[in-house]
Protein backbone atom coordinates (compact mmCIF):
# COMPACT_ATOMS: atom_id res chain seq x y z
CA MET A 1 102.56 107.14 96.14
CA VAL A 2 103.39 110.72 96.59
CA GLU A 3 105.63 111.00 93.89
CA ILE A 4 102.93 108.79 91.52
CA TYR A 5 100.01 110.96 92.71
CA ASN A 6 102.18 114.50 91.72
CA ARG A 7 104.21 112.97 88.43
CA ALA A 8 99.56 111.64 87.32
CA PHE A 9 98.52 115.55 88.18
CA GLU A 10 102.14 116.90 85.82
CA THR A 11 101.19 115.52 83.06
CA LYS A 12 97.61 117.36 82.80
CA LEU A 13 95.16 115.26 81.27
CA ILE A 14 93.33 113.82 84.23
CA GLN A 15 91.86 116.49 85.58
CA SER A 16 89.52 117.03 83.32
CA ASP A 17 87.86 113.06 83.39
CA ILE A 18 86.18 112.43 86.76
CA ASP A 19 86.63 108.72 85.74
CA GLN A 20 90.56 108.98 85.82
CA LEU A 21 90.61 111.78 88.76
CA ALA A 22 88.48 109.47 91.74
CA PRO A 23 91.17 106.55 91.56
CA VAL A 24 94.11 108.71 91.43
CA VAL A 25 92.66 111.27 94.48
CA LEU A 26 90.88 108.22 96.84
CA ALA A 27 94.59 106.26 96.48
CA ARG A 28 96.33 108.83 98.29
CA GLY A 29 93.68 109.88 100.35
CA GLY A 30 93.69 106.10 101.13
CA TYR A 31 97.23 105.94 101.33
CA GLU A 32 97.36 109.42 103.93
CA ARG A 33 93.96 107.89 105.77
CA ARG A 34 96.81 105.18 106.72
CA ARG A 35 99.31 106.84 108.04
CA ALA A 36 97.43 109.31 109.99
CA GLU A 37 95.66 105.67 111.81
CA GLY A 38 99.15 104.90 112.09
CA GLU A 39 99.37 101.77 109.82
CA THR A 40 102.62 100.22 109.50
CA ASP A 41 103.47 97.17 107.62
CA GLY A 42 99.36 95.95 106.94
CA ILE A 43 99.42 96.23 110.43
CA LEU A 44 97.00 99.22 112.01
CA TYR A 45 97.29 100.14 115.89
CA THR A 46 93.42 100.59 117.15
CA PHE A 47 94.25 101.61 120.80
CA PRO A 48 91.32 104.42 121.55
CA SER A 49 93.40 105.49 124.72
CA GLU A 50 96.23 105.48 123.22
CA PHE A 51 95.12 106.47 119.42
CA PHE A 52 97.39 110.17 119.40
CA LEU A 53 100.04 108.74 121.57
CA HIS A 54 100.98 106.29 118.78
CA PRO A 55 104.56 107.20 118.21
CA LEU A 56 104.28 105.57 114.39
CA GLN A 57 101.35 108.06 113.65
CA ASP A 58 102.61 110.74 111.42
CA GLN A 59 101.02 114.02 112.40
CA ASP A 60 101.35 115.89 109.44
CA ALA A 61 99.27 112.65 107.64
CA LEU A 62 95.43 114.13 108.44
CA PRO A 63 96.31 117.50 107.25
CA THR A 64 97.70 116.13 104.27
CA LEU A 65 94.16 113.94 104.07
CA ILE A 66 91.93 116.77 103.41
CA GLY A 67 94.26 119.25 101.02
CA VAL A 68 93.91 116.23 99.25
CA VAL A 69 89.90 115.66 98.45
CA GLU A 70 89.39 119.37 99.05
CA SER A 71 91.87 119.69 95.10
CA GLY A 72 89.79 116.64 94.67
CA ILE A 73 86.29 118.12 95.08
CA GLU A 74 87.04 121.00 93.66
CA MET A 75 89.37 119.36 90.32
CA ALA A 76 85.97 117.51 89.68
CA ARG A 77 84.18 120.77 90.09
CA GLN A 78 86.43 121.71 87.91
CA GLY A 79 86.25 118.67 85.41
CA SER A 80 82.10 118.52 85.32
CA ALA A 81 81.85 122.31 84.65
CA LEU A 82 83.68 121.22 81.65
CA TYR A 83 81.54 119.25 79.88
CA SER A 84 78.02 120.91 81.33
CA SER A 85 78.70 124.33 79.07
């Protein structure tokens, strides 16, 4: 997923089109959310008392998710600024 996301942005084709940008950012965000929550093989581990202790939870996923969403919002703003000029 990460390689596909990076390759999509390397082409420089989707940054200025919100209709193409949004699905890509949402897909990557969903992937990182599942990693942060500890979902593997279609199983979501949701034991509230053990959520942060689950061994399959990726500790880097939440900061990555926040970064993906923030960069997606910034790219959407830049793209909409191009159309409003």
